[in-house]
């Protein structure tokens, strides 16, 4: 029997989700138990301490989508002098960079496209190979069980501390490993300590409270870099984002939904989406959207609408990764 969380869209189709006696999934239960607004108030003061009178005092990741556009505008309004940037890894849609550059121009900040393939390590490339081979396997009950087991196992290996080659079912997990390394390296290169992104969810637990800031300091001889999930830090709601977008005249791309899955701008996610949904029994992006429902950014209806249509890809996972020069 299908069971859905009373608060978010997580269901028992996902092997990583459990439910308590009140009908709440483990993600919502933990969040409602540990969230503390005082933690975010302290972190906002900490973020403002990095506002400085220099060429760039923060980097802001943008895709030209609704969340990153609103974040870039907000960062500048806070008093920062931000450098807007987009990561190129070879499988993002090219119109994303055009839109991002135009948004940066409209808001009046500098913009760079940063090719992060320079930060892809040997184990990352081996993981891409394993992933391509996995998605090439013939569908059936055996592969269905394998996908579900690997999906569950993948949650243990997407940390940058994990240095093994793993066949990730969910592409966002291998991308996260590369992105975290790239945030740190590119910020260090520019003498910047703050990287601000438009993800509207927590970075993790800090003590007993949910945090919006992650500290990166792999080398103690160099200063740390802080990754800030600004929408979560500000407890932003979708209505707040819409007000900002209306103010600056942002228009939704015709090919995308207002609330969308990662396959809208990522060819790798698009190549994985349909097969993974058939084998897992749920859309992999449901976990991300569920967290946005948990914190109150989206409604269940808005999240489910984003998941209602599965995009089809003419290219296989292997083809996408070969064309990106990653395998």
Foldseek 3Di string as FASTA:
>chain_A
DWAAAPQFGDIVLQVVWDADPVRHIPVLVLQVVQADLVQLVVVVVVVLVQADPDQFAEEQEAQLALQSLLVVLVCVVSRGQYEYEYEDLQFFAPVSVVNSVVSCVLSPHHYYYHHLVVQQDPLLLLLLVLQLVLLPDDDDPVSLVVLSVLQVVLVVALDLVHRHRGNHLQPVSSVSNSVVSVQFVVCVVVVYAEYEYRQQFFPQDDPRHTHQKDWDPPDPVDDIHIYGNVCNSVLHAQVNSVVSCVVSVRDDDPQADSDAFPVSTGLLLLQSAPVSCVSSVAGPRSVSLRRCSSSRRDPNVVSVVRRVDRHHHPDHSVVSCVSSVSD
